[in-house]
Amino acid sequence: MRTISDPGIAWQSAKFFKTGKGEYGEGDKFLGIRVPVLRKIAKEQINVEFTEITELLACDFHEVRLLALFILIERYNKASEQEKKVIANLYLSSTKCINSWDLVDSSAHKILGDYLEHKDKAPLYKLVRSSNLWERRIAMIATLKFIGNGHFDDTIRLAELLLQDKEDLIHKAVGWMLREVGKRNLERELDFLNRYSEVMPRTMLRYAIERLPQEMRYKYL
């Protein structure tokens, strides 16, 4: 990873992911490696030990943590049910390291969402009540897997729990998931909007109604 790092890309990434003082990515570090390269490395390193993956997840460098998640996804997709459980538990025990929107959005539904789809959803309801922004986002994005298979109830319940959230990155995540619900079942999305549009944060509402007909968007705005 260090031998292929690029200081120019690292500088761009640090700026893009808001690593300045008081910003959501404050203090995060970058090596400067593009995502396609990380995906290639993950395929090559799919068989590394879980202890090594845990060390990668705890690394200070953003791309190393992302690589660890890509490896876990590769492993998960080929895993037995018992190994999927191990991977899902490792993911849950490492949520403090999954601390940026791209880390969450590239992995939560593919590991946690897939594993919990037909199981007790209690871990998501624990995460959604966390004081940690990224854990709340993990809970929401994990439901993208459920939505894709036509199951909307947990997305709606979690969205209700996040209506008063103060973080813009949560507003965007909730609005995005509501929009995904609407793609598959517009009635469920409109029911949510009819009940909560007047109290939803503006960003959440805008993301949710992005694909609605113009007249409908004006109505909710």
C-alpha atoms as a PDB file:
ATOM      1  CA  MET A   1       0.000   0.000   0.000  1.00  0.00           C
ATOM      2  CA  ARG A   2       2.783   2.429   0.896  1.00  0.00           C
ATOM      3  CA  THR A   3       4.769   1.638  -2.248  1.00  0.00           C
ATOM      4  CA  ILE A   4       1.853   2.653  -4.509  1.00  0.00           C
ATOM      5  CA  SER A   5       0.769   5.719  -2.532  1.00  0.00           C
ATOM      6  CA  ASP A   6       0.516   9.095  -4.290  1.00  0.00           C
ATOM      7  CA  PRO A   7       0.884  12.336  -2.272  1.00  0.00           C
ATOM      8  CA  GLY A   8      -1.096  14.307  -4.857  1.00  0.00           C
ATOM      9  CA  ILE A   9      -4.069  11.961  -4.674  1.00  0.00           C
ATOM     10  CA  ALA A  10      -3.751  11.911  -0.881  1.00  0.00           C
ATOM     11  CA  TRP A  11      -4.021  15.712  -0.760  1.00  0.00           C
ATOM     12  CA  GLN A  12      -7.098  15.673  -3.007  1.00  0.00           C
ATOM     13  CA  SER A  13      -8.732  12.942  -0.921  1.00  0.00           C
ATOM     14  CA  ALA A  14      -8.075  14.733   2.367  1.00  0.00           C
ATOM     15  CA  LYS A  15      -9.784  17.819   0.954  1.00  0.00           C
ATOM     16  CA  PHE A  16     -12.705  15.862  -0.528  1.00  0.00           C
ATOM     17  CA  PHE A  17     -13.390  13.955   2.690  1.00  0.00           C
ATOM     18  CA  LYS A  18     -13.436  17.092   4.852  1.00  0.00           C
ATOM     19  CA  THR A  19     -10.515  16.359   7.154  1.00  0.00           C
ATOM     20  CA  GLY A  20     -10.093  19.911   8.426  1.00  0.00           C
ATOM     21  CA  LYS A  21     -10.664  21.013  12.013  1.00  0.00           C
ATOM     22  CA  GLY A  22     -14.337  20.719  12.949  1.00  0.00           C
ATOM     23  CA  GLU A  23     -15.251  18.830   9.774  1.00  0.00           C
ATOM     24  CA  TYR A  24     -16.746  15.336   9.734  1.00  0.00           C
ATOM     25  CA  GLY A  25     -13.455  13.671   8.695  1.00  0.00           C
ATOM     26  CA  GLU A  26     -11.237  15.676  11.000  1.00  0.00           C
ATOM     27  CA  GLY A  27      -7.822  14.065  11.393  1.00  0.00           C
ATOM     28  CA  ASP A  28      -8.299  11.265   8.858  1.00  0.00           C
ATOM     29  CA  LYS A  29      -5.157  10.354   6.907  1.00  0.00           C
ATOM     30  CA  PHE A  30      -4.745   9.272   3.280  1.00  0.00           C
ATOM     31  CA  LEU A  31      -2.095   7.398   1.348  1.00  0.00           C
ATOM     32  CA  GLY A  32      -3.451   8.435  -2.037  1.00  0.00           C
ATOM     33  CA  ILE A  33      -4.734   5.231  -3.674  1.00  0.00           C
ATOM     34  CA  ARG A  34      -7.748   5.087  -5.998  1.00  0.00           C
ATOM     35  CA  VAL A  35     -10.725   2.817  -5.274  1.00  0.00           C
ATOM     36  CA  PRO A  36     -10.312   0.549  -8.362  1.00  0.00           C
ATOM     37  CA  VAL A  37      -6.772  -0.228  -7.220  1.00  0.00           C
ATOM     38  CA  LEU A  38      -8.033  -1.106  -3.734  1.00  0.00           C
ATOM     39  CA  ARG A  39     -10.662  -3.437  -5.191  1.00  0.00           C
ATOM     40  CA  LYS A  40      -7.973  -5.222  -7.207  1.00  0.00           C
ATOM     41  CA  ILE A  41      -5.783  -5.662  -4.129  1.00  0.00           C
ATOM     42  CA  ALA A  42      -8.775  -6.985  -2.158  1.00  0.00           C
ATOM     43  CA  LYS A  43      -9.353  -9.730  -4.730  1.00  0.00           C
ATOM     44  CA  GLU A  44      -5.680 -10.679  -4.568  1.00  0.00           C
ATOM     45  CA  GLN A  45      -5.617 -10.697  -0.744  1.00  0.00           C
ATOM     46  CA  ILE A  46      -8.959 -12.391  -0.131  1.00  0.00           C
ATOM     47  CA  ASN A  47      -7.423 -15.150   2.005  1.00  0.00           C
ATOM     48  CA  VAL A  48      -5.621 -13.041   4.604  1.00  0.00           C
ATOM     49  CA  GLU A  49      -6.319 -13.980   8.212  1.00  0.00           C
ATOM     50  CA  PHE A  50      -9.149 -12.278  10.110  1.00  0.00           C
ATOM     51  CA  THR A  51      -6.573 -11.049  12.641  1.00  0.00           C
ATOM     52  CA  GLU A  52      -4.834  -9.166   9.827  1.00  0.00           C
ATOM     53  CA  ILE A  53      -8.125  -7.735   8.565  1.00  0.00           C
ATOM     54  CA  THR A  54      -8.832  -6.497  12.084  1.00  0.00           C
ATOM     55  CA  GLU A  55      -5.435  -4.751  12.109  1.00  0.00           C
ATOM     56  CA  LEU A  56      -6.166  -3.172   8.719  1.00  0.00           C
ATOM     57  CA  LEU A  57      -9.520  -1.898   9.988  1.00  0.00           C
ATOM     58  CA  ALA A  58      -7.768  -0.194  12.897  1.00  0.00           C
ATOM     59  CA  CYS A  59      -5.245   1.568  10.633  1.00  0.00           C
ATOM     60  CA  ASP A  60      -5.006   5.366  10.653  1.00  0.00           C
ATOM     61  CA  PHE A  61      -5.047   5.479   6.854  1.00  0.00           C
ATOM     62  CA  HIS A  62      -8.457   5.732   5.210  1.00  0.00           C
ATOM     63  CA  GLU A  63      -7.619   3.566   2.192  1.00  0.00           C
ATOM     64  CA  VAL A  64      -6.314   0.753   4.394  1.00  0.00           C
ATOM     65  CA  ARG A  65      -9.610   0.635   6.286  1.00  0.00           C
ATOM     66  CA  LEU A  66     -11.483   0.660   2.975  1.00  0.00           C
ATOM     67  CA  LEU A  67      -9.286  -2.167   1.697  1.00  0.00           C
ATOM     68  CA  ALA A  68     -10.130  -4.217   4.790  1.00  0.00           C
ATOM     69  CA  LEU A  69     -13.843  -3.744   4.075  1.00  0.00           C
ATOM     70  CA  PHE A  70     -13.396  -4.721   0.420  1.00  0.00           C
ATOM     71  CA  ILE A  71     -11.611  -7.898   1.541  1.00  0.00           C
ATOM     72  CA  LEU A  72     -14.431  -8.673   3.983  1.00  0.00           C
ATOM     73  CA  ILE A  73     -17.006  -8.208   1.218  1.00  0.00           C
ATOM     74  CA  GLU A  74     -15.060 -10.534  -1.089  1.00  0.00           C
ATOM     75  CA  ARG A  75     -14.833 -13.109   1.707  1.00  0.00           C
ATOM     76  CA  TYR A  76     -18.476 -12.715   2.645  1.00  0.00           C
ATOM     77  CA  ASN A  77     -19.679 -13.308  -0.910  1.00  0.00           C
ATOM     78  CA  LYS A  78     -17.923 -16.680  -1.003  1.00  0.00           C
ATOM     79  CA  ALA A  79     -18.497 -17.663   2.632  1.00  0.00           C
ATOM     80  CA  SER A  80     -20.445 -20.448   4.285  1.00  0.00           C
ATOM     81  CA  GLU A  81     -23.220 -19.438   6.656  1.00  0.00           C
ATOM     82  CA  GLN A  82     -20.903 -19.970   9.627  1.00  0.00           C
ATOM     83  CA  GLU A  83     -18.179 -17.771   8.133  1.00  0.00           C
ATOM     84  CA  LYS A  84     -20.761 -15.116   7.244  1.00  0.00           C
ATOM     85  CA  LYS A  85     -21.632 -14.988  10.934  1.00  0.00           C
ATOM     86  CA  VAL A  86     -17.959 -14.486  11.819  1.00  0.00           C
ATOM     87  CA  ILE A  87     -17.640 -11.691   9.251  1.00  0.00           C
ATOM     88  CA  ALA A  88     -20.847  -9.969  10.377  1.00  0.00           C
ATOM     89  CA  ASN A  89     -19.712 -10.111  14.012  1.00  0.00           C
ATOM     90  CA  LEU A  90     -16.303  -8.729  13.047  1.00  0.00           C
ATOM     91  CA  TYR A  91     -18.062  -5.911  11.218  1.00  0.00           C
ATOM     92  CA  LEU A  92     -20.234  -5.117  14.247  1.00  0.00           C
ATOM     93  CA  SER A  93     -17.244  -5.129  16.575  1.00  0.00           C
ATOM     94  CA  SER A  94     -15.358  -2.759  14.260  1.00  0.00           C
ATOM     95  CA  THR A  95     -17.958  -0.048  13.667  1.00  0.00           C
ATOM     96  CA  LYS A  96     -15.780   2.595  15.359  1.00  0.00           C
ATOM     97  CA  CYS A  97     -13.292   2.061  12.510  1.00  0.00           C
ATOM     98  CA  ILE A  98     -15.952   2.379   9.778  1.00  0.00           C
ATOM     99  CA  ASN A  99     -15.894   6.112  10.209  1.00  0.00           C
ATOM    100  CA  SER A 100     -16.585   7.827   6.907  1.00  0.00           C
ATOM    101  CA  TRP A 101     -19.560   7.873   4.557  1.00  0.00           C
ATOM    102  CA  ASP A 102     -17.749   5.955   1.799  1.00  0.00           C
ATOM    103  CA  LEU A 103     -16.654   3.221   4.215  1.00  0.00           C
ATOM    104  CA  VAL A 104     -20.234   2.863   5.434  1.00  0.00           C
ATOM    105  CA  ASP A 105     -21.942   3.128   2.064  1.00  0.00           C
ATOM    106  CA  SER A 106     -19.709   0.585   0.350  1.00  0.00           C
ATOM    107  CA  SER A 107     -20.133  -2.095   3.000  1.00  0.00           C
ATOM    108  CA  ALA A 108     -23.092  -1.831   5.401  1.00  0.00           C
ATOM    109  CA  HIS A 109     -25.729  -3.342   3.111  1.00  0.00           C
ATOM    110  CA  LYS A 110     -23.365  -5.890   1.579  1.00  0.00           C
ATOM    111  CA  ILE A 111     -22.336  -7.411   4.909  1.00  0.00           C
ATOM    112  CA  LEU A 112     -24.568  -6.383   7.790  1.00  0.00           C
ATOM    113  CA  GLY A 113     -27.717  -5.881   5.734  1.00  0.00           C
ATOM    114  CA  ASP A 114     -27.328  -9.175   3.928  1.00  0.00           C
ATOM    115  CA  TYR A 115     -26.590 -11.092   7.113  1.00  0.00           C
ATOM    116  CA  LEU A 116     -29.468  -9.623   9.134  1.00  0.00           C
ATOM    117  CA  GLU A 117     -32.137  -9.642   6.428  1.00  0.00           C
ATOM    118  CA  HIS A 118     -33.819 -12.792   7.726  1.00  0.00           C
ATOM    119  CA  LYS A 119     -32.613 -12.487  11.327  1.00  0.00           C
ATOM    120  CA  ASP A 120     -33.315 -10.378  14.403  1.00  0.00           C
ATOM    121  CA  LYS A 121     -32.726  -6.731  13.510  1.00  0.00           C
ATOM    122  CA  ALA A 122     -31.832  -5.748  17.096  1.00  0.00           C
ATOM    123  CA  PRO A 123     -28.223  -4.815  16.145  1.00  0.00           C
ATOM    124  CA  LEU A 124     -29.537  -2.140  13.777  1.00  0.00           C
ATOM    125  CA  TYR A 125     -31.811  -0.649  16.432  1.00  0.00           C
ATOM    126  CA  LYS A 126     -28.880  -0.536  18.837  1.00  0.00           C
ATOM    127  CA  LEU A 127     -26.712   1.211  16.235  1.00  0.00           C
ATOM    128  CA  VAL A 128     -29.403   3.721  15.290  1.00  0.00           C
ATOM    129  CA  ARG A 129     -29.499   4.949  18.898  1.00  0.00           C
ATOM    130  CA  SER A 130     -25.721   5.352  19.088  1.00  0.00           C
ATOM    131  CA  SER A 131     -24.117   8.731  19.758  1.00  0.00           C
ATOM    132  CA  ASN A 132     -21.709   7.864  16.933  1.00  0.00           C
ATOM    133  CA  LEU A 133     -22.768   9.403  13.625  1.00  0.00           C
ATOM    134  CA  TRP A 134     -21.288   6.577  11.557  1.00  0.00           C
ATOM    135  CA  GLU A 135     -22.996   3.837  13.547  1.00  0.00           C
ATOM    136  CA  ARG A 136     -26.348   5.518  12.932  1.00  0.00           C
ATOM    137  CA  ARG A 137     -25.542   5.742   9.231  1.00  0.00           C
ATOM    138  CA  ILE A 138     -24.538   2.058   9.173  1.00  0.00           C
ATOM    139  CA  ALA A 139     -27.959   1.142  10.578  1.00  0.00           C
ATOM    140  CA  MET A 140     -29.737   3.118   7.865  1.00  0.00           C
ATOM    141  CA  ILE A 141     -27.613   2.069   4.890  1.00  0.00           C
ATOM    142  CA  ALA A 142     -27.730  -1.593   5.911  1.00  0.00           C
ATOM    143  CA  THR A 143     -31.428  -1.575   5.007  1.00  0.00           C
ATOM    144  CA  LEU A 144     -30.599  -0.962   1.341  1.00  0.00           C
ATOM    145  CA  LYS A 145     -30.322  -4.753   1.113  1.00  0.00           C
ATOM    146  CA  PHE A 146     -33.833  -5.161   2.539  1.00  0.00           C
ATOM    147  CA  ILE A 147     -35.232  -2.541   0.188  1.00  0.00           C
ATOM    148  CA  GLY A 148     -33.740  -4.307  -2.816  1.00  0.00           C
ATOM    149  CA  ASN A 149     -35.695  -7.417  -1.868  1.00  0.00           C
ATOM    150  CA  GLY A 150     -38.966  -5.574  -1.304  1.00  0.00           C
ATOM    151  CA  HIS A 151     -38.827  -5.359   2.499  1.00  0.00           C
ATOM    152  CA  PHE A 152     -39.432  -1.795   3.695  1.00  0.00           C
ATOM    153  CA  ASP A 153     -40.629  -1.961   7.307  1.00  0.00           C
ATOM    154  CA  ASP A 154     -37.249  -1.613   9.021  1.00  0.00           C
ATOM    155  CA  THR A 155     -36.192   1.224   6.731  1.00  0.00           C
ATOM    156  CA  ILE A 156     -39.357   3.114   7.679  1.00  0.00           C
ATOM    157  CA  ARG A 157     -38.940   2.439  11.417  1.00  0.00           C
ATOM    158  CA  LEU A 158     -35.307   3.478  11.446  1.00  0.00           C
ATOM    159  CA  ALA A 159     -36.125   6.592   9.427  1.00  0.00           C
ATOM    160  CA  GLU A 160     -38.730   7.530  12.047  1.00  0.00           C
ATOM    161  CA  LEU A 161     -36.118   7.158  14.789  1.00  0.00           C
ATOM    162  CA  LEU A 162     -33.768   9.479  12.901  1.00  0.00           C
ATOM    163  CA  LEU A 163     -36.238  12.252  12.108  1.00  0.00           C
ATOM    164  CA  GLN A 164     -34.783  14.528  14.778  1.00  0.00           C
ATOM    165  CA  ASP A 165     -31.145  13.687  14.106  1.00  0.00           C
ATOM    166  CA  LYS A 166     -28.883  16.751  13.992  1.00  0.00           C
ATOM    167  CA  GLU A 167     -26.337  15.474  11.443  1.00  0.00           C
ATOM    168  CA  ASP A 168     -26.592  16.387   7.774  1.00  0.00           C
ATOM    169  CA  LEU A 169     -24.961  13.089   6.757  1.00  0.00           C
ATOM    170  CA  ILE A 170     -27.786  11.237   8.496  1.00  0.00           C
ATOM    171  CA  HIS A 171     -30.408  13.418   6.806  1.00  0.00           C
ATOM    172  CA  LYS A 172     -28.873  12.485   3.438  1.00  0.00           C
ATOM    173  CA  ALA A 173     -28.756   8.779   4.273  1.00  0.00           C
ATOM    174  CA  VAL A 174     -32.378   8.674   5.416  1.00  0.00           C
ATOM    175  CA  GLY A 175     -33.591  10.655   2.422  1.00  0.00           C
ATOM    176  CA  TRP A 176     -31.646   8.380   0.086  1.00  0.00           C
ATOM    177  CA  MET A 177     -33.158   5.210   1.606  1.00  0.00           C
ATOM    178  CA  LEU A 178     -36.674   6.687   1.448  1.00  0.00           C
ATOM    179  CA  ARG A 179     -36.067   7.492  -2.220  1.00  0.00           C
ATOM    180  CA  GLU A 180     -34.990   3.872  -2.777  1.00  0.00           C
ATOM    181  CA  VAL A 181     -38.201   2.686  -1.112  1.00  0.00           C
ATOM    182  CA  GLY A 182     -40.163   4.955  -3.445  1.00  0.00           C
ATOM    183  CA  LYS A 183     -38.528   3.435  -6.525  1.00  0.00           C
ATOM    184  CA  ARG A 184     -40.038   0.095  -5.600  1.00  0.00           C
ATOM    185  CA  ASN A 185     -43.153   1.078  -3.674  1.00  0.00           C
ATOM    186  CA  LEU A 186     -44.169   4.703  -4.150  1.00  0.00           C
ATOM    187  CA  GLU A 187     -47.162   4.296  -1.852  1.00  0.00           C
ATOM    188  CA  ARG A 188     -44.931   3.492   1.128  1.00  0.00           C
ATOM    189  CA  GLU A 189     -42.718   6.512   0.491  1.00  0.00           C
ATOM    190  CA  LEU A 190     -45.674   8.861   0.033  1.00  0.00           C
ATOM    191  CA  ASP A 191     -47.262   7.557   3.228  1.00  0.00           C
ATOM    192  CA  PHE A 192     -44.072   8.472   5.094  1.00  0.00           C
ATOM    193  CA  LEU A 193     -43.902  11.888   3.457  1.00  0.00           C
ATOM    194  CA  ASN A 194     -47.547  12.634   4.168  1.00  0.00           C
ATOM    195  CA  ARG A 195     -46.971  11.926   7.846  1.00  0.00           C
ATOM    196  CA  TYR A 196     -43.593  13.562   8.341  1.00  0.00           C
ATOM    197  CA  SER A 197     -42.736  16.009   5.535  1.00  0.00           C
ATOM    198  CA  GLU A 198     -43.533  19.031   7.724  1.00  0.00           C
ATOM    199  CA  VAL A 199     -41.096  17.961  10.442  1.00  0.00           C
ATOM    200  CA  MET A 200     -38.363  16.307   8.355  1.00  0.00           C
ATOM    201  CA  PRO A 201     -35.041  18.131   8.062  1.00  0.00           C
ATOM    202  CA  ARG A 202     -34.950  19.956   4.743  1.00  0.00           C
ATOM    203  CA  THR A 203     -32.010  17.957   3.355  1.00  0.00           C
ATOM    204  CA  MET A 204     -33.724  14.672   4.220  1.00  0.00           C
ATOM    205  CA  LEU A 205     -36.875  15.810   2.452  1.00  0.00           C
ATOM    206  CA  ARG A 206     -35.010  16.997  -0.650  1.00  0.00           C
ATOM    207  CA  TYR A 207     -33.162  13.707  -0.994  1.00  0.00           C
ATOM    208  CA  ALA A 208     -36.374  11.720  -0.489  1.00  0.00           C
ATOM    209  CA  ILE A 209     -38.398  13.569  -3.145  1.00  0.00           C
ATOM    210  CA  GLU A 210     -35.630  13.876  -5.731  1.00  0.00           C
ATOM    211  CA  ARG A 211     -37.254  11.459  -8.198  1.00  0.00           C
ATOM    212  CA  LEU A 212     -40.873  12.502  -7.689  1.00  0.00           C
ATOM    213  CA  PRO A 213     -42.726  14.426 -10.404  1.00  0.00           C
ATOM    214  CA  GLN A 214     -42.080  18.170 -10.237  1.00  0.00           C
ATOM    215  CA  GLU A 215     -45.594  19.029  -9.069  1.00  0.00           C
ATOM    216  CA  MET A 216     -45.306  16.566  -6.201  1.00  0.00           C
ATOM    217  CA  ARG A 217     -41.884  17.921  -5.199  1.00  0.00           C
ATOM    218  CA  TYR A 218     -43.280  21.463  -5.036  1.00  0.00           C
ATOM    219  CA  LYS A 219     -46.151  20.254  -2.894  1.00  0.00           C
ATOM    220  CA  TYR A 220     -43.874  18.696  -0.299  1.00  0.00           C
ATOM    221  CA  LEU A 221     -41.416  21.577  -0.335  1.00  0.00           C
END
